[in-house]
Amino acid sequence: MAAMKDARPCSIADTLALVGEKYSLLVLREVCLGNGRFDQLVRNIGAPRDILATRLRRLVDARILTKQAYSERPQRFEYRPTQAGLELEPVLITLMAWGDRHLREDDDRPMVIEHICGNELVPVVTCSACAGAVHHEDLTAHPQTPGWTVSGPTAA
């Protein structure tokens, strides 16, 4: 097998390169909760101001957040999720649920998300075609990048 310098082409890796930096998903959490002002973000995330400013610029440049002025004098901005940012919210909720199940006791959860129906939201990934719950044993990967299989690169 020929040695390849590049890792497997992967949308997970591409997404993590964008939102996987420390504090980025926490910024998105806060913005989705309605806390989009810089001082709110600093207080609720605990990130250093310079790092937070860098993360915000990157998320705005990637069109995950928008930046809107809410004060002219002094000039201040509020950050809001774009459609792409809102599409990451289920990922955040799923990460939160995983953390609640595996890292906390039942009575030690810091937040509960309520669905519009009035019940606590328990996220479940389902198939859009059959509405069945997704389980590892039901999945089959089909690499689409030429030269790659599930187990790795093919010989050149």
C-alpha atoms as a PDB file:
ATOM      1  CA  MET A   1       0.000   0.000   0.000  1.00  0.00           C
ATOM      2  CA  ALA A   2       1.355   3.422  -0.941  1.00  0.00           C
ATOM      3  CA  ALA A   3       1.943   5.833   1.929  1.00  0.00           C
ATOM      4  CA  MET A   4      -0.325   8.877   1.819  1.00  0.00           C
ATOM      5  CA  LYS A   5       0.436  12.174   3.489  1.00  0.00           C
ATOM      6  CA  ASP A   6      -3.147  13.245   3.812  1.00  0.00           C
ATOM      7  CA  ALA A   7      -5.680  11.898   6.260  1.00  0.00           C
ATOM      8  CA  ARG A   8      -9.017  10.482   5.159  1.00  0.00           C
ATOM      9  CA  PRO A   9     -11.237  13.131   3.499  1.00  0.00           C
ATOM     10  CA  CYS A  10     -13.946  13.633   6.089  1.00  0.00           C
ATOM     11  CA  SER A  11     -16.758  16.079   6.756  1.00  0.00           C
ATOM     12  CA  ILE A  12     -16.351  15.460  10.505  1.00  0.00           C
ATOM     13  CA  ALA A  13     -12.738  16.629  10.321  1.00  0.00           C
ATOM     14  CA  ASP A  14     -13.732  19.629   8.194  1.00  0.00           C
ATOM     15  CA  THR A  15     -16.444  20.584  10.689  1.00  0.00           C
ATOM     16  CA  LEU A  16     -14.126  20.176  13.675  1.00  0.00           C
ATOM     17  CA  ALA A  17     -11.533  22.361  11.950  1.00  0.00           C
ATOM     18  CA  LEU A  18     -14.173  25.083  11.983  1.00  0.00           C
ATOM     19  CA  VAL A  19     -16.066  24.618  15.260  1.00  0.00           C
ATOM     20  CA  GLY A  20     -13.774  22.294  17.215  1.00  0.00           C
ATOM     21  CA  GLU A  21     -11.519  25.000  18.598  1.00  0.00           C
ATOM     22  CA  LYS A  22     -11.748  25.572  22.314  1.00  0.00           C
ATOM     23  CA  TYR A  23     -14.754  27.777  23.151  1.00  0.00           C
ATOM     24  CA  SER A  24     -16.328  27.734  19.646  1.00  0.00           C
ATOM     25  CA  LEU A  25     -19.190  25.378  20.508  1.00  0.00           C
ATOM     26  CA  LEU A  26     -19.674  27.187  23.821  1.00  0.00           C
ATOM     27  CA  VAL A  27     -20.057  30.451  21.897  1.00  0.00           C
ATOM     28  CA  LEU A  28     -22.701  28.772  19.775  1.00  0.00           C
ATOM     29  CA  ARG A  29     -24.412  27.420  22.909  1.00  0.00           C
ATOM     30  CA  GLU A  30     -24.672  30.897  24.384  1.00  0.00           C
ATOM     31  CA  VAL A  31     -25.813  32.524  21.146  1.00  0.00           C
ATOM     32  CA  CYS A  32     -28.506  29.870  20.720  1.00  0.00           C
ATOM     33  CA  LEU A  33     -29.621  30.605  24.293  1.00  0.00           C
ATOM     34  CA  GLY A  34     -29.981  34.282  23.328  1.00  0.00           C
ATOM     35  CA  ASN A  35     -26.801  35.533  24.976  1.00  0.00           C
ATOM     36  CA  GLY A  36     -25.081  37.124  22.009  1.00  0.00           C
ATOM     37  CA  ARG A  37     -23.436  40.196  23.505  1.00  0.00           C
ATOM     38  CA  PHE A  38     -19.688  40.098  24.002  1.00  0.00           C
ATOM     39  CA  ASP A  39     -19.795  40.741  27.762  1.00  0.00           C
ATOM     40  CA  GLN A  40     -22.432  38.013  28.201  1.00  0.00           C
ATOM     41  CA  LEU A  41     -20.258  35.612  26.230  1.00  0.00           C
ATOM     42  CA  VAL A  42     -17.160  36.436  28.314  1.00  0.00           C
ATOM     43  CA  ARG A  43     -19.091  35.967  31.558  1.00  0.00           C
ATOM     44  CA  ASN A  44     -20.941  32.778  30.596  1.00  0.00           C
ATOM     45  CA  ILE A  45     -18.073  31.009  28.825  1.00  0.00           C
ATOM     46  CA  GLY A  46     -15.107  32.188  30.874  1.00  0.00           C
ATOM     47  CA  ALA A  47     -12.935  32.598  27.787  1.00  0.00           C
ATOM     48  CA  PRO A  48     -10.176  35.209  27.629  1.00  0.00           C
ATOM     49  CA  ARG A  49     -11.438  38.250  25.716  1.00  0.00           C
ATOM     50  CA  ASP A  50      -8.821  38.050  22.953  1.00  0.00           C
ATOM     51  CA  ILE A  51      -9.489  34.361  22.277  1.00  0.00           C
ATOM     52  CA  LEU A  52     -13.241  34.942  22.339  1.00  0.00           C
ATOM     53  CA  ALA A  53     -12.878  37.781  19.815  1.00  0.00           C
ATOM     54  CA  THR A  54     -10.887  35.472  17.531  1.00  0.00           C
ATOM     55  CA  ARG A  55     -13.497  32.703  17.789  1.00  0.00           C
ATOM     56  CA  LEU A  56     -16.308  35.143  17.063  1.00  0.00           C
ATOM     57  CA  ARG A  57     -14.528  36.476  13.961  1.00  0.00           C
ATOM     58  CA  ARG A  58     -13.982  32.938  12.695  1.00  0.00           C
ATOM     59  CA  LEU A  59     -17.613  31.940  13.271  1.00  0.00           C
ATOM     60  CA  VAL A  60     -18.848  35.101  11.536  1.00  0.00           C
ATOM     61  CA  ASP A  61     -16.435  34.554   8.618  1.00  0.00           C
ATOM     62  CA  ALA A  62     -17.733  30.978   8.317  1.00  0.00           C
ATOM     63  CA  ARG A  63     -21.334  32.285   8.256  1.00  0.00           C
ATOM     64  CA  ILE A  64     -22.281  30.378  11.405  1.00  0.00           C
ATOM     65  CA  LEU A  65     -22.980  33.629  13.254  1.00  0.00           C
ATOM     66  CA  THR A  66     -23.987  37.114  12.182  1.00  0.00           C
ATOM     67  CA  LYS A  67     -22.768  40.280  13.863  1.00  0.00           C
ATOM     68  CA  GLN A  68     -25.310  43.074  14.322  1.00  0.00           C
ATOM     69  CA  ALA A  69     -24.803  46.467  15.917  1.00  0.00           C
ATOM     70  CA  TYR A  70     -27.042  47.162  18.895  1.00  0.00           C
ATOM     71  CA  SER A  71     -25.350  50.413  19.962  1.00  0.00           C
ATOM     72  CA  GLU A  72     -23.673  53.123  17.891  1.00  0.00           C
ATOM     73  CA  ARG A  73     -22.070  55.074  20.744  1.00  0.00           C
ATOM     74  CA  PRO A  74     -20.174  53.206  21.904  1.00  0.00           C
ATOM     75  CA  GLN A  75     -20.297  50.809  18.999  1.00  0.00           C
ATOM     76  CA  ARG A  76     -21.291  47.381  20.293  1.00  0.00           C
ATOM     77  CA  PHE A  77     -22.400  44.215  18.580  1.00  0.00           C
ATOM     78  CA  GLU A  78     -24.609  41.253  19.230  1.00  0.00           C
ATOM     79  CA  TYR A  79     -24.053  37.832  17.663  1.00  0.00           C
ATOM     80  CA  ARG A  80     -26.895  35.679  16.378  1.00  0.00           C
ATOM     81  CA  PRO A  81     -26.930  32.252  14.758  1.00  0.00           C
ATOM     82  CA  THR A  82     -27.398  31.998  11.008  1.00  0.00           C
ATOM     83  CA  GLN A  83     -29.325  29.083   9.512  1.00  0.00           C
ATOM     84  CA  ALA A  84     -26.041  27.141   9.476  1.00  0.00           C
ATOM     85  CA  GLY A  85     -25.564  27.962  13.168  1.00  0.00           C
ATOM     86  CA  LEU A  86     -29.096  26.876  14.022  1.00  0.00           C
ATOM     87  CA  GLU A  87     -28.468  23.587  12.217  1.00  0.00           C
ATOM     88  CA  LEU A  88     -25.664  22.921  14.733  1.00  0.00           C
ATOM     89  CA  GLU A  89     -28.030  23.315  17.702  1.00  0.00           C
ATOM     90  CA  PRO A  90     -29.172  19.645  17.619  1.00  0.00           C
ATOM     91  CA  VAL A  91     -25.483  18.675  17.742  1.00  0.00           C
ATOM     92  CA  LEU A  92     -25.066  20.776  20.895  1.00  0.00           C
ATOM     93  CA  ILE A  93     -28.174  19.249  22.464  1.00  0.00           C
ATOM     94  CA  THR A  94     -26.953  15.747  21.618  1.00  0.00           C
ATOM     95  CA  LEU A  95     -23.530  16.510  23.133  1.00  0.00           C
ATOM     96  CA  MET A  96     -25.251  17.845  26.251  1.00  0.00           C
ATOM     97  CA  ALA A  97     -27.377  14.691  26.544  1.00  0.00           C
ATOM     98  CA  TRP A  98     -24.293  12.487  26.156  1.00  0.00           C
ATOM     99  CA  GLY A  99     -22.534  14.475  28.894  1.00  0.00           C
ATOM    100  CA  ASP A 100     -25.576  14.215  31.150  1.00  0.00           C
ATOM    101  CA  ARG A 101     -25.657  10.421  30.680  1.00  0.00           C
ATOM    102  CA  HIS A 102     -21.945   9.706  30.963  1.00  0.00           C
ATOM    103  CA  LEU A 103     -20.385  12.520  32.996  1.00  0.00           C
ATOM    104  CA  ARG A 104     -23.021  13.515  35.551  1.00  0.00           C
ATOM    105  CA  GLU A 105     -25.444  12.098  38.068  1.00  0.00           C
ATOM    106  CA  ASP A 106     -29.170  12.426  37.275  1.00  0.00           C
ATOM    107  CA  ASP A 107     -29.669  15.126  39.890  1.00  0.00           C
ATOM    108  CA  ASP A 108     -26.526  17.035  38.844  1.00  0.00           C
ATOM    109  CA  ARG A 109     -27.569  18.242  35.381  1.00  0.00           C
ATOM    110  CA  PRO A 110     -26.903  21.955  34.873  1.00  0.00           C
ATOM    111  CA  MET A 111     -29.660  22.464  32.288  1.00  0.00           C
ATOM    112  CA  VAL A 112     -32.750  20.773  30.887  1.00  0.00           C
ATOM    113  CA  ILE A 113     -34.130  21.618  27.450  1.00  0.00           C
ATOM    114  CA  GLU A 114     -37.910  21.650  27.129  1.00  0.00           C
ATOM    115  CA  HIS A 115     -39.589  20.937  23.795  1.00  0.00           C
ATOM    116  CA  ILE A 116     -42.575  23.015  22.622  1.00  0.00           C
ATOM    117  CA  CYS A 117     -44.833  20.086  23.635  1.00  0.00           C
ATOM    118  CA  GLY A 118     -43.927  20.796  27.272  1.00  0.00           C
ATOM    119  CA  ASN A 119     -41.817  17.704  27.842  1.00  0.00           C
ATOM    120  CA  GLU A 120     -38.106  17.473  28.445  1.00  0.00           C
ATOM    121  CA  LEU A 121     -36.282  16.987  25.156  1.00  0.00           C
ATOM    122  CA  VAL A 122     -34.406  13.707  24.863  1.00  0.00           C
ATOM    123  CA  PRO A 123     -32.599  13.870  21.515  1.00  0.00           C
ATOM    124  CA  VAL A 124     -32.740  10.822  19.250  1.00  0.00           C
ATOM    125  CA  VAL A 125     -31.173  10.618  15.802  1.00  0.00           C
ATOM    126  CA  THR A 126     -33.637   9.157  13.316  1.00  0.00           C
ATOM    127  CA  CYS A 127     -33.538   8.197   9.661  1.00  0.00           C
ATOM    128  CA  SER A 128     -35.336  10.760   7.493  1.00  0.00           C
ATOM    129  CA  ALA A 129     -36.582   7.991   5.178  1.00  0.00           C
ATOM    130  CA  CYS A 130     -38.090   5.490   7.638  1.00  0.00           C
ATOM    131  CA  ALA A 131     -38.114   7.497  10.921  1.00  0.00           C
ATOM    132  CA  GLY A 132     -36.315   4.628  12.665  1.00  0.00           C
ATOM    133  CA  ALA A 133     -33.899   5.405  15.477  1.00  0.00           C
ATOM    134  CA  VAL A 134     -30.258   5.243  14.411  1.00  0.00           C
ATOM    135  CA  HIS A 135     -28.093   2.567  16.063  1.00  0.00           C
ATOM    136  CA  HIS A 136     -24.475   1.735  15.267  1.00  0.00           C
ATOM    137  CA  GLU A 137     -25.253  -1.835  14.212  1.00  0.00           C
ATOM    138  CA  ASP A 138     -27.742  -0.587  11.600  1.00  0.00           C
ATOM    139  CA  LEU A 139     -25.236   1.601   9.728  1.00  0.00           C
ATOM    140  CA  THR A 140     -23.027   0.838   6.734  1.00  0.00           C
ATOM    141  CA  ALA A 141     -20.447   3.365   5.515  1.00  0.00           C
ATOM    142  CA  HIS A 142     -19.867   3.855   1.784  1.00  0.00           C
ATOM    143  CA  PRO A 143     -16.754   5.996   1.118  1.00  0.00           C
ATOM    144  CA  GLN A 144     -17.303   8.339  -1.831  1.00  0.00           C
ATOM    145  CA  THR A 145     -13.740   9.644  -2.243  1.00  0.00           C
ATOM    146  CA  PRO A 146     -11.779   7.843  -4.964  1.00  0.00           C
ATOM    147  CA  GLY A 147      -8.878   5.871  -3.533  1.00  0.00           C
ATOM    148  CA  TRP A 148     -10.468   5.330  -0.119  1.00  0.00           C
ATOM    149  CA  THR A 149     -12.251   2.396   1.476  1.00  0.00           C
ATOM    150  CA  VAL A 150     -13.712   2.071   4.952  1.00  0.00           C
ATOM    151  CA  SER A 151     -10.429   0.602   6.179  1.00  0.00           C
ATOM    152  CA  GLY A 152      -8.245   3.287   4.585  1.00  0.00           C
ATOM    153  CA  PRO A 153      -6.546   4.288   1.341  1.00  0.00           C
ATOM    154  CA  THR A 154      -6.364   1.819  -1.497  1.00  0.00           C
ATOM    155  CA  ALA A 155      -3.023   0.854  -3.037  1.00  0.00           C
ATOM    156  CA  ALA A 156      -1.874   3.219  -5.784  1.00  0.00           C
END
